[in-house]
N, C-alpha and C. Protein backbone atom coordinates (compact mmCIF):
# COMPACT_ATOMS: atom_id res chain seq x y z
N MET A 1 8.93 -25.84 -18.25
CA MET A 1 8.18 -26.72 -17.37
C MET A 1 8.57 -28.16 -17.68
N ALA A 2 8.80 -28.93 -16.67
CA ALA A 2 9.16 -30.33 -16.84
C ALA A 2 7.94 -31.11 -17.30
N SER A 3 8.19 -32.08 -18.14
CA SER A 3 7.08 -32.90 -18.59
C SER A 3 6.69 -33.87 -17.48
N VAL A 4 5.40 -34.01 -17.28
CA VAL A 4 4.89 -34.84 -16.20
C VAL A 4 4.12 -35.99 -16.82
N PRO A 5 4.64 -37.23 -16.70
CA PRO A 5 3.91 -38.35 -17.29
C PRO A 5 2.63 -38.63 -16.51
N LEU A 6 1.55 -38.79 -17.25
CA LEU A 6 0.26 -39.07 -16.62
C LEU A 6 -0.38 -40.26 -17.29
N THR A 7 -1.07 -41.01 -16.51
CA THR A 7 -1.88 -42.08 -17.09
C THR A 7 -3.31 -41.58 -17.13
N PRO A 8 -4.09 -42.03 -18.11
CA PRO A 8 -5.48 -41.57 -18.17
C PRO A 8 -6.20 -41.85 -16.85
N GLY A 9 -6.93 -40.86 -16.37
CA GLY A 9 -7.68 -41.01 -15.13
C GLY A 9 -6.81 -40.99 -13.89
N ALA A 10 -5.59 -40.45 -14.03
CA ALA A 10 -4.67 -40.42 -12.88
C ALA A 10 -5.25 -39.57 -11.76
N ALA A 11 -5.08 -40.07 -10.56
CA ALA A 11 -5.56 -39.34 -9.39
C ALA A 11 -4.58 -38.23 -9.05
N ALA A 12 -5.08 -37.19 -8.42
CA ALA A 12 -4.22 -36.10 -8.00
C ALA A 12 -3.24 -36.60 -6.95
N PRO A 13 -2.01 -36.13 -7.01
CA PRO A 13 -1.02 -36.57 -6.01
C PRO A 13 -1.34 -35.97 -4.64
N ALA A 14 -0.75 -36.55 -3.64
CA ALA A 14 -0.90 -36.02 -2.29
C ALA A 14 -0.24 -34.65 -2.22
N VAL A 15 -0.83 -33.78 -1.44
CA VAL A 15 -0.28 -32.43 -1.27
C VAL A 15 1.03 -32.57 -0.48
N PRO A 16 2.12 -32.03 -1.02
CA PRO A 16 3.40 -32.15 -0.31
C PRO A 16 3.37 -31.40 1.03
N GLY A 17 4.17 -31.88 1.94
CA GLY A 17 4.26 -31.25 3.26
C GLY A 17 4.66 -29.79 3.18
N SER A 18 5.50 -29.44 2.20
CA SER A 18 5.93 -28.05 2.09
C SER A 18 4.75 -27.13 1.75
N ILE A 19 3.81 -27.63 0.96
CA ILE A 19 2.63 -26.83 0.61
C ILE A 19 1.68 -26.74 1.81
N ILE A 20 1.52 -27.84 2.52
CA ILE A 20 0.66 -27.82 3.71
C ILE A 20 1.23 -26.84 4.74
N THR A 21 2.55 -26.88 4.93
CA THR A 21 3.19 -25.96 5.87
C THR A 21 3.05 -24.52 5.40
N ALA A 22 3.23 -24.29 4.09
CA ALA A 22 3.06 -22.94 3.54
C ALA A 22 1.64 -22.44 3.79
N ALA A 23 0.66 -23.30 3.58
CA ALA A 23 -0.74 -22.92 3.83
C ALA A 23 -0.95 -22.60 5.31
N CYS A 24 -0.33 -23.36 6.18
CA CYS A 24 -0.44 -23.08 7.63
C CYS A 24 0.17 -21.71 7.96
N PHE A 25 1.28 -21.38 7.31
CA PHE A 25 1.87 -20.06 7.53
C PHE A 25 0.93 -18.96 7.04
N LEU A 26 0.23 -19.21 5.94
CA LEU A 26 -0.74 -18.22 5.46
C LEU A 26 -1.90 -18.06 6.43
N VAL A 27 -2.35 -19.15 7.03
CA VAL A 27 -3.40 -19.06 8.04
C VAL A 27 -2.89 -18.27 9.25
N LEU A 28 -1.62 -18.47 9.62
CA LEU A 28 -1.02 -17.69 10.69
C LEU A 28 -1.01 -16.20 10.32
N GLY A 29 -0.69 -15.90 9.07
CA GLY A 29 -0.73 -14.51 8.61
C GLY A 29 -2.13 -13.92 8.71
N ALA A 30 -3.14 -14.74 8.39
CA ALA A 30 -4.54 -14.29 8.51
C ALA A 30 -4.88 -14.01 9.97
N ALA A 31 -4.43 -14.88 10.86
CA ALA A 31 -4.70 -14.68 12.29
C ALA A 31 -4.01 -13.41 12.80
N ALA A 32 -2.80 -13.17 12.33
CA ALA A 32 -2.09 -11.94 12.71
C ALA A 32 -2.84 -10.72 12.20
N GLN A 33 -3.45 -10.84 11.02
CA GLN A 33 -4.22 -9.72 10.47
C GLN A 33 -5.47 -9.46 11.31
N VAL A 34 -6.09 -10.50 11.82
CA VAL A 34 -7.25 -10.32 12.70
C VAL A 34 -6.83 -9.53 13.93
N VAL A 35 -5.70 -9.91 14.53
CA VAL A 35 -5.20 -9.19 15.71
C VAL A 35 -4.89 -7.74 15.33
N ALA A 36 -4.23 -7.55 14.18
CA ALA A 36 -3.88 -6.19 13.73
C ALA A 36 -5.14 -5.35 13.52
N SER A 37 -6.17 -5.96 12.97
CA SER A 37 -7.42 -5.23 12.73
C SER A 37 -8.09 -4.83 14.03
N ILE A 38 -8.06 -5.72 15.01
CA ILE A 38 -8.63 -5.38 16.32
C ILE A 38 -7.85 -4.24 16.95
N LEU A 39 -6.53 -4.30 16.88
CA LEU A 39 -5.70 -3.22 17.43
C LEU A 39 -5.95 -1.91 16.68
N GLY A 40 -6.10 -2.00 15.35
CA GLY A 40 -6.39 -0.81 14.55
C GLY A 40 -7.74 -0.20 14.90
N TRP A 41 -8.70 -1.05 15.13
CA TRP A 41 -10.04 -0.60 15.51
C TRP A 41 -9.99 0.12 16.86
N ILE A 42 -9.28 -0.48 17.80
CA ILE A 42 -9.14 0.14 19.13
C ILE A 42 -8.43 1.49 19.00
N HIS A 43 -7.38 1.52 18.19
CA HIS A 43 -6.65 2.78 17.99
C HIS A 43 -7.53 3.85 17.34
N ALA A 44 -8.31 3.44 16.34
CA ALA A 44 -9.17 4.40 15.63
C ALA A 44 -10.18 5.05 16.57
N LEU A 45 -10.56 4.35 17.63
CA LEU A 45 -11.54 4.88 18.58
C LEU A 45 -10.91 5.47 19.84
N SER A 46 -9.58 5.49 19.89
CA SER A 46 -8.89 5.94 21.10
C SER A 46 -8.97 7.46 21.26
N PRO A 47 -8.89 7.91 22.50
CA PRO A 47 -8.87 9.36 22.75
C PRO A 47 -7.67 10.05 22.10
N GLU A 48 -6.52 9.36 22.06
CA GLU A 48 -5.33 9.93 21.43
C GLU A 48 -5.57 10.21 19.95
N ARG A 49 -6.22 9.27 19.28
CA ARG A 49 -6.52 9.45 17.86
C ARG A 49 -7.54 10.57 17.68
N ALA A 50 -8.49 10.69 18.58
CA ALA A 50 -9.48 11.76 18.50
C ALA A 50 -8.80 13.13 18.58
N VAL A 51 -7.78 13.26 19.44
CA VAL A 51 -7.05 14.52 19.56
C VAL A 51 -6.35 14.86 18.25
N VAL A 52 -5.71 13.88 17.64
CA VAL A 52 -5.02 14.10 16.36
C VAL A 52 -6.02 14.51 15.28
N LEU A 53 -7.12 13.82 15.21
CA LEU A 53 -8.14 14.15 14.20
C LEU A 53 -8.72 15.55 14.45
N GLN A 54 -8.93 15.90 15.71
CA GLN A 54 -9.47 17.23 16.02
C GLN A 54 -8.49 18.32 15.60
N ARG A 55 -7.20 18.08 15.80
CA ARG A 55 -6.18 19.04 15.36
C ARG A 55 -6.24 19.22 13.85
N GLN A 56 -6.40 18.11 13.14
CA GLN A 56 -6.50 18.19 11.69
C GLN A 56 -7.73 18.98 11.27
N LEU A 57 -8.83 18.76 11.95
CA LEU A 57 -10.06 19.49 11.63
C LEU A 57 -9.90 20.99 11.94
N ASP A 58 -9.20 21.31 13.02
CA ASP A 58 -9.02 22.70 13.43
C ASP A 58 -8.13 23.48 12.45
N THR A 59 -7.18 22.82 11.83
CA THR A 59 -6.25 23.51 10.93
C THR A 59 -6.76 23.59 9.50
N GLY A 60 -7.75 22.81 9.16
CA GLY A 60 -8.23 22.79 7.78
C GLY A 60 -9.60 23.41 7.64
N ASP A 61 -9.97 23.65 6.39
CA ASP A 61 -11.30 24.16 6.08
C ASP A 61 -12.15 22.95 5.69
N SER A 62 -12.64 22.25 6.69
CA SER A 62 -13.34 21.00 6.44
C SER A 62 -14.76 21.04 6.96
N THR A 63 -15.63 20.39 6.25
CA THR A 63 -17.01 20.25 6.70
C THR A 63 -17.23 18.92 7.41
N LEU A 64 -16.15 18.16 7.54
CA LEU A 64 -16.25 16.86 8.21
C LEU A 64 -16.32 17.05 9.72
N SER A 65 -16.88 16.07 10.37
CA SER A 65 -16.94 16.10 11.84
C SER A 65 -15.95 15.09 12.41
N LEU A 66 -15.64 15.26 13.66
CA LEU A 66 -14.75 14.33 14.34
C LEU A 66 -15.33 12.92 14.29
N GLU A 67 -16.61 12.83 14.56
CA GLU A 67 -17.26 11.50 14.55
C GLU A 67 -17.21 10.88 13.15
N GLY A 68 -17.38 11.70 12.13
CA GLY A 68 -17.31 11.20 10.76
C GLY A 68 -15.94 10.66 10.41
N LEU A 69 -14.90 11.37 10.84
CA LEU A 69 -13.54 10.91 10.60
C LEU A 69 -13.24 9.62 11.36
N ARG A 70 -13.70 9.55 12.59
CA ARG A 70 -13.48 8.33 13.39
C ARG A 70 -14.20 7.14 12.75
N ASN A 71 -15.43 7.35 12.31
CA ASN A 71 -16.18 6.27 11.67
C ASN A 71 -15.50 5.82 10.37
N ALA A 72 -15.01 6.78 9.61
CA ALA A 72 -14.30 6.43 8.37
C ALA A 72 -13.06 5.59 8.67
N GLY A 73 -12.36 5.94 9.75
CA GLY A 73 -11.18 5.17 10.14
C GLY A 73 -11.54 3.75 10.53
N VAL A 74 -12.60 3.60 11.30
CA VAL A 74 -13.03 2.26 11.72
C VAL A 74 -13.46 1.44 10.51
N ILE A 75 -14.24 2.03 9.63
CA ILE A 75 -14.70 1.31 8.43
C ILE A 75 -13.52 0.88 7.59
N THR A 76 -12.54 1.76 7.43
CA THR A 76 -11.35 1.43 6.64
C THR A 76 -10.59 0.27 7.26
N VAL A 77 -10.39 0.32 8.56
CA VAL A 77 -9.67 -0.76 9.25
C VAL A 77 -10.41 -2.09 9.10
N VAL A 78 -11.71 -2.07 9.30
CA VAL A 78 -12.50 -3.31 9.23
C VAL A 78 -12.50 -3.88 7.81
N LEU A 79 -12.76 -3.05 6.82
CA LEU A 79 -12.81 -3.54 5.44
C LEU A 79 -11.44 -4.03 4.96
N ALA A 80 -10.39 -3.29 5.27
CA ALA A 80 -9.05 -3.72 4.89
C ALA A 80 -8.69 -5.03 5.59
N GLY A 81 -9.07 -5.16 6.85
CA GLY A 81 -8.80 -6.39 7.58
C GLY A 81 -9.53 -7.58 6.98
N ILE A 82 -10.80 -7.41 6.66
CA ILE A 82 -11.58 -8.51 6.07
C ILE A 82 -10.98 -8.93 4.73
N CYS A 83 -10.65 -7.95 3.88
CA CYS A 83 -10.08 -8.27 2.57
C CYS A 83 -8.75 -9.00 2.70
N THR A 84 -7.91 -8.55 3.63
CA THR A 84 -6.61 -9.17 3.80
C THR A 84 -6.73 -10.58 4.35
N VAL A 85 -7.59 -10.77 5.34
CA VAL A 85 -7.80 -12.11 5.90
C VAL A 85 -8.32 -13.05 4.82
N LEU A 86 -9.29 -12.60 4.04
CA LEU A 86 -9.82 -13.43 2.96
C LEU A 86 -8.74 -13.77 1.94
N ALA A 87 -7.88 -12.81 1.62
CA ALA A 87 -6.79 -13.08 0.67
C ALA A 87 -5.87 -14.17 1.21
N TYR A 88 -5.45 -14.04 2.46
CA TYR A 88 -4.58 -15.07 3.05
C TYR A 88 -5.24 -16.45 3.00
N LEU A 89 -6.50 -16.52 3.38
CA LEU A 89 -7.18 -17.82 3.44
C LEU A 89 -7.44 -18.39 2.04
N LEU A 90 -7.82 -17.55 1.10
CA LEU A 90 -8.04 -18.03 -0.27
C LEU A 90 -6.74 -18.51 -0.90
N PHE A 91 -5.67 -17.77 -0.70
CA PHE A 91 -4.39 -18.19 -1.28
C PHE A 91 -3.94 -19.50 -0.66
N ALA A 92 -4.15 -19.67 0.64
CA ALA A 92 -3.79 -20.94 1.29
C ALA A 92 -4.61 -22.08 0.71
N PHE A 93 -5.91 -21.89 0.57
CA PHE A 93 -6.79 -22.93 0.04
C PHE A 93 -6.39 -23.32 -1.37
N PHE A 94 -6.24 -22.34 -2.25
CA PHE A 94 -5.94 -22.65 -3.64
C PHE A 94 -4.51 -23.14 -3.83
N MET A 95 -3.61 -22.77 -2.93
CA MET A 95 -2.26 -23.31 -3.02
C MET A 95 -2.30 -24.82 -2.76
N THR A 96 -3.10 -25.24 -1.79
CA THR A 96 -3.19 -26.68 -1.52
C THR A 96 -3.89 -27.43 -2.64
N LYS A 97 -4.64 -26.71 -3.48
CA LYS A 97 -5.29 -27.33 -4.64
C LYS A 97 -4.40 -27.33 -5.87
N GLY A 98 -3.16 -26.84 -5.71
CA GLY A 98 -2.20 -26.89 -6.80
C GLY A 98 -2.33 -25.77 -7.81
N ARG A 99 -2.88 -24.66 -7.42
CA ARG A 99 -3.04 -23.52 -8.31
C ARG A 99 -1.80 -22.62 -8.22
N SER A 100 -1.06 -22.55 -9.31
CA SER A 100 0.18 -21.76 -9.34
C SER A 100 -0.07 -20.29 -9.10
N TRP A 101 -1.21 -19.79 -9.55
CA TRP A 101 -1.49 -18.36 -9.36
C TRP A 101 -1.53 -18.01 -7.87
N ALA A 102 -1.90 -18.98 -7.02
CA ALA A 102 -1.99 -18.71 -5.58
C ALA A 102 -0.61 -18.48 -4.98
N ARG A 103 0.38 -19.20 -5.45
CA ARG A 103 1.72 -18.95 -4.91
C ARG A 103 2.28 -17.64 -5.44
N THR A 104 1.92 -17.26 -6.66
CA THR A 104 2.33 -15.95 -7.18
C THR A 104 1.65 -14.84 -6.39
N ALA A 105 0.36 -15.01 -6.13
CA ALA A 105 -0.38 -14.01 -5.36
C ALA A 105 0.16 -13.92 -3.93
N THR A 106 0.60 -15.04 -3.39
CA THR A 106 1.19 -15.04 -2.05
C THR A 106 2.47 -14.20 -2.05
N ALA A 107 3.26 -14.32 -3.10
CA ALA A 107 4.49 -13.51 -3.19
C ALA A 107 4.14 -12.02 -3.28
N VAL A 108 3.10 -11.68 -4.03
CA VAL A 108 2.67 -10.28 -4.13
C VAL A 108 2.18 -9.79 -2.77
N LEU A 109 1.40 -10.60 -2.08
CA LEU A 109 0.91 -10.24 -0.75
C LEU A 109 2.08 -10.02 0.21
N PHE A 110 3.09 -10.85 0.11
CA PHE A 110 4.28 -10.70 0.95
C PHE A 110 4.96 -9.35 0.68
N VAL A 111 5.12 -9.00 -0.58
CA VAL A 111 5.75 -7.72 -0.93
C VAL A 111 4.91 -6.55 -0.42
N LEU A 112 3.59 -6.65 -0.55
CA LEU A 112 2.72 -5.60 -0.02
C LEU A 112 2.83 -5.48 1.49
N THR A 113 2.99 -6.61 2.15
CA THR A 113 3.14 -6.61 3.61
C THR A 113 4.44 -5.92 4.01
N LEU A 114 5.48 -6.08 3.19
CA LEU A 114 6.74 -5.40 3.48
C LEU A 114 6.56 -3.88 3.53
N SER A 115 5.64 -3.38 2.73
CA SER A 115 5.40 -1.93 2.72
C SER A 115 4.86 -1.44 4.05
N GLN A 116 4.31 -2.33 4.86
CA GLN A 116 3.79 -1.94 6.18
C GLN A 116 4.91 -1.62 7.16
N LEU A 117 6.15 -1.96 6.79
CA LEU A 117 7.27 -1.66 7.68
C LEU A 117 7.52 -0.16 7.79
N VAL A 118 7.06 0.60 6.79
CA VAL A 118 7.22 2.05 6.83
C VAL A 118 6.30 2.59 7.93
N GLY A 119 6.89 3.27 8.88
CA GLY A 119 6.11 3.85 9.96
C GLY A 119 5.57 2.84 10.95
N ILE A 120 6.22 1.70 11.07
CA ILE A 120 5.75 0.66 11.99
C ILE A 120 5.80 1.17 13.43
N VAL A 121 4.76 0.88 14.17
CA VAL A 121 4.64 1.31 15.56
C VAL A 121 4.36 0.07 16.41
N PHE A 122 5.05 -0.03 17.52
CA PHE A 122 4.84 -1.17 18.40
C PHE A 122 3.94 -0.76 19.55
N PRO A 123 3.14 -1.63 20.11
CA PRO A 123 3.16 -3.09 20.00
C PRO A 123 2.41 -3.63 18.79
N GLY A 124 1.59 -2.83 18.12
CA GLY A 124 0.84 -3.33 16.97
C GLY A 124 1.73 -3.82 15.85
N GLY A 125 2.94 -3.32 15.77
CA GLY A 125 3.86 -3.72 14.71
C GLY A 125 4.28 -5.18 14.78
N TYR A 126 4.09 -5.80 15.92
CA TYR A 126 4.44 -7.22 16.03
C TYR A 126 3.61 -8.07 15.07
N THR A 127 2.39 -7.66 14.83
CA THR A 127 1.56 -8.43 13.89
C THR A 127 2.13 -8.33 12.47
N THR A 128 2.68 -7.16 12.12
CA THR A 128 3.32 -7.01 10.82
C THR A 128 4.54 -7.91 10.72
N ILE A 129 5.33 -7.97 11.77
CA ILE A 129 6.51 -8.84 11.79
C ILE A 129 6.09 -10.30 11.60
N VAL A 130 5.04 -10.72 12.30
CA VAL A 130 4.54 -12.10 12.16
C VAL A 130 4.11 -12.35 10.72
N GLN A 131 3.39 -11.39 10.12
CA GLN A 131 2.93 -11.56 8.75
C GLN A 131 4.11 -11.62 7.77
N ILE A 132 5.13 -10.84 8.00
CA ILE A 132 6.30 -10.86 7.11
C ILE A 132 7.02 -12.20 7.20
N ILE A 133 7.22 -12.69 8.41
CA ILE A 133 7.89 -13.99 8.58
C ILE A 133 7.04 -15.10 7.99
N ALA A 134 5.73 -15.10 8.27
CA ALA A 134 4.84 -16.13 7.74
C ALA A 134 4.78 -16.06 6.21
N GLY A 135 4.71 -14.85 5.68
CA GLY A 135 4.66 -14.70 4.22
C GLY A 135 5.95 -15.16 3.55
N ALA A 136 7.09 -14.80 4.13
CA ALA A 136 8.37 -15.23 3.58
C ALA A 136 8.49 -16.75 3.60
N ALA A 137 8.08 -17.35 4.71
CA ALA A 137 8.14 -18.82 4.81
C ALA A 137 7.23 -19.47 3.77
N ALA A 138 6.02 -18.93 3.60
CA ALA A 138 5.09 -19.50 2.62
C ALA A 138 5.63 -19.38 1.20
N VAL A 139 6.23 -18.24 0.88
CA VAL A 139 6.80 -18.05 -0.47
C VAL A 139 7.93 -19.04 -0.70
N VAL A 140 8.84 -19.15 0.25
CA VAL A 140 9.98 -20.06 0.10
C VAL A 140 9.50 -21.51 -0.01
N LEU A 141 8.60 -21.93 0.87
CA LEU A 141 8.11 -23.31 0.84
C LEU A 141 7.36 -23.64 -0.45
N SER A 142 6.64 -22.67 -0.99
CA SER A 142 5.88 -22.93 -2.22
C SER A 142 6.77 -22.98 -3.45
N ARG A 143 8.03 -22.61 -3.31
CA ARG A 143 8.98 -22.65 -4.44
C ARG A 143 9.97 -23.82 -4.34
N ARG A 144 9.82 -24.64 -3.33
CA ARG A 144 10.72 -25.80 -3.18
C ARG A 144 10.48 -26.79 -4.32
N PRO A 145 11.46 -27.65 -4.62
CA PRO A 145 11.31 -28.58 -5.74
C PRO A 145 10.06 -29.47 -5.66
N ALA A 146 9.76 -30.00 -4.48
CA ALA A 146 8.57 -30.86 -4.35
C ALA A 146 7.30 -30.05 -4.61
N SER A 147 7.32 -28.80 -4.19
CA SER A 147 6.16 -27.93 -4.42
C SER A 147 6.00 -27.63 -5.90
N ARG A 148 7.10 -27.29 -6.55
CA ARG A 148 7.04 -27.01 -8.00
C ARG A 148 6.54 -28.22 -8.77
N GLN A 149 7.02 -29.40 -8.39
CA GLN A 149 6.57 -30.62 -9.06
C GLN A 149 5.07 -30.83 -8.86
N TYR A 150 4.59 -30.55 -7.66
CA TYR A 150 3.16 -30.68 -7.37
C TYR A 150 2.35 -29.73 -8.24
N PHE A 151 2.76 -28.47 -8.31
CA PHE A 151 2.04 -27.50 -9.14
C PHE A 151 2.05 -27.92 -10.61
N ASP A 152 3.21 -28.39 -11.10
CA ASP A 152 3.30 -28.84 -12.50
C ASP A 152 2.38 -30.03 -12.75
N THR A 153 2.37 -30.98 -11.83
CA THR A 153 1.52 -32.16 -11.97
C THR A 153 0.04 -31.77 -11.97
N MET A 154 -0.34 -30.92 -11.05
CA MET A 154 -1.74 -30.50 -10.98
C MET A 154 -2.15 -29.74 -12.24
N LYS A 155 -1.26 -28.93 -12.77
CA LYS A 155 -1.55 -28.21 -14.01
C LYS A 155 -1.75 -29.19 -15.16
N ALA A 156 -0.90 -30.21 -15.23
CA ALA A 156 -1.02 -31.22 -16.28
C ALA A 156 -2.32 -32.01 -16.14
N ILE A 157 -2.69 -32.35 -14.92
CA ILE A 157 -3.94 -33.08 -14.68
C ILE A 157 -5.14 -32.25 -15.12
N ARG A 158 -5.12 -30.95 -14.78
CA ARG A 158 -6.23 -30.08 -15.20
C ARG A 158 -6.29 -29.95 -16.72
N ALA A 159 -5.12 -29.85 -17.36
CA ALA A 159 -5.09 -29.73 -18.82
C ALA A 159 -5.61 -31.02 -19.45
N GLU A 160 -5.20 -32.17 -18.92
CA GLU A 160 -5.66 -33.45 -19.47
C GLU A 160 -7.16 -33.60 -19.25
N SER A 161 -7.65 -33.17 -18.12
CA SER A 161 -9.07 -33.24 -17.84
C SER A 161 -9.88 -32.40 -18.82
N ARG A 162 -9.36 -31.20 -19.11
CA ARG A 162 -10.05 -30.33 -20.07
C ARG A 162 -10.05 -30.96 -21.46
N LEU A 163 -8.92 -31.59 -21.85
CA LEU A 163 -8.84 -32.22 -23.16
C LEU A 163 -9.78 -33.41 -23.26
N SER A 164 -9.85 -34.22 -22.21
CA SER A 164 -10.70 -35.40 -22.26
C SER A 164 -12.17 -35.03 -22.21
N SER A 165 -12.52 -33.94 -21.53
CA SER A 165 -13.93 -33.53 -21.49
C SER A 165 -14.34 -32.83 -22.77
N ALA A 166 -13.39 -32.25 -23.50
CA ALA A 166 -13.69 -31.57 -24.75
C ALA A 166 -13.84 -32.56 -25.89
N GLY A 167 -13.19 -33.69 -25.77
CA GLY A 167 -13.14 -34.66 -26.86
C GLY A 167 -14.17 -35.67 -26.71
């Protein structure tokens, strides 16, 4: 890590444009997830999905009902969507606050999003493509030199703040 000279009581630097743009890409990823969740919800309640679920029930020794399976699908889609949207928004927020863990978590989220390419179905798959592009852009922008310097500076400011409040 490069040494960052600080003066006592130094103000936090302005958030670099690359970080602001990365955060905007993460918000775009969250919006794409909202659309994906709505499409998933519609699919979970579709007659086509009901036929598939009924076939599964007919071939297995299950005590589950069609309605129970459909409800489980809707709950899964909604909860996964909420968690993913919150992750995108939290990572964007904390990235703009200079938290290095947020850019690492963004990279992990991007890799997890890549796994959605397996079995991608269109038109719903377009939201996955948007999330992959937005995630890749956010990861790249958060690793640019100005971004790295911002994260290093913010880390040093937090460390100095902790030292001055402890002493």
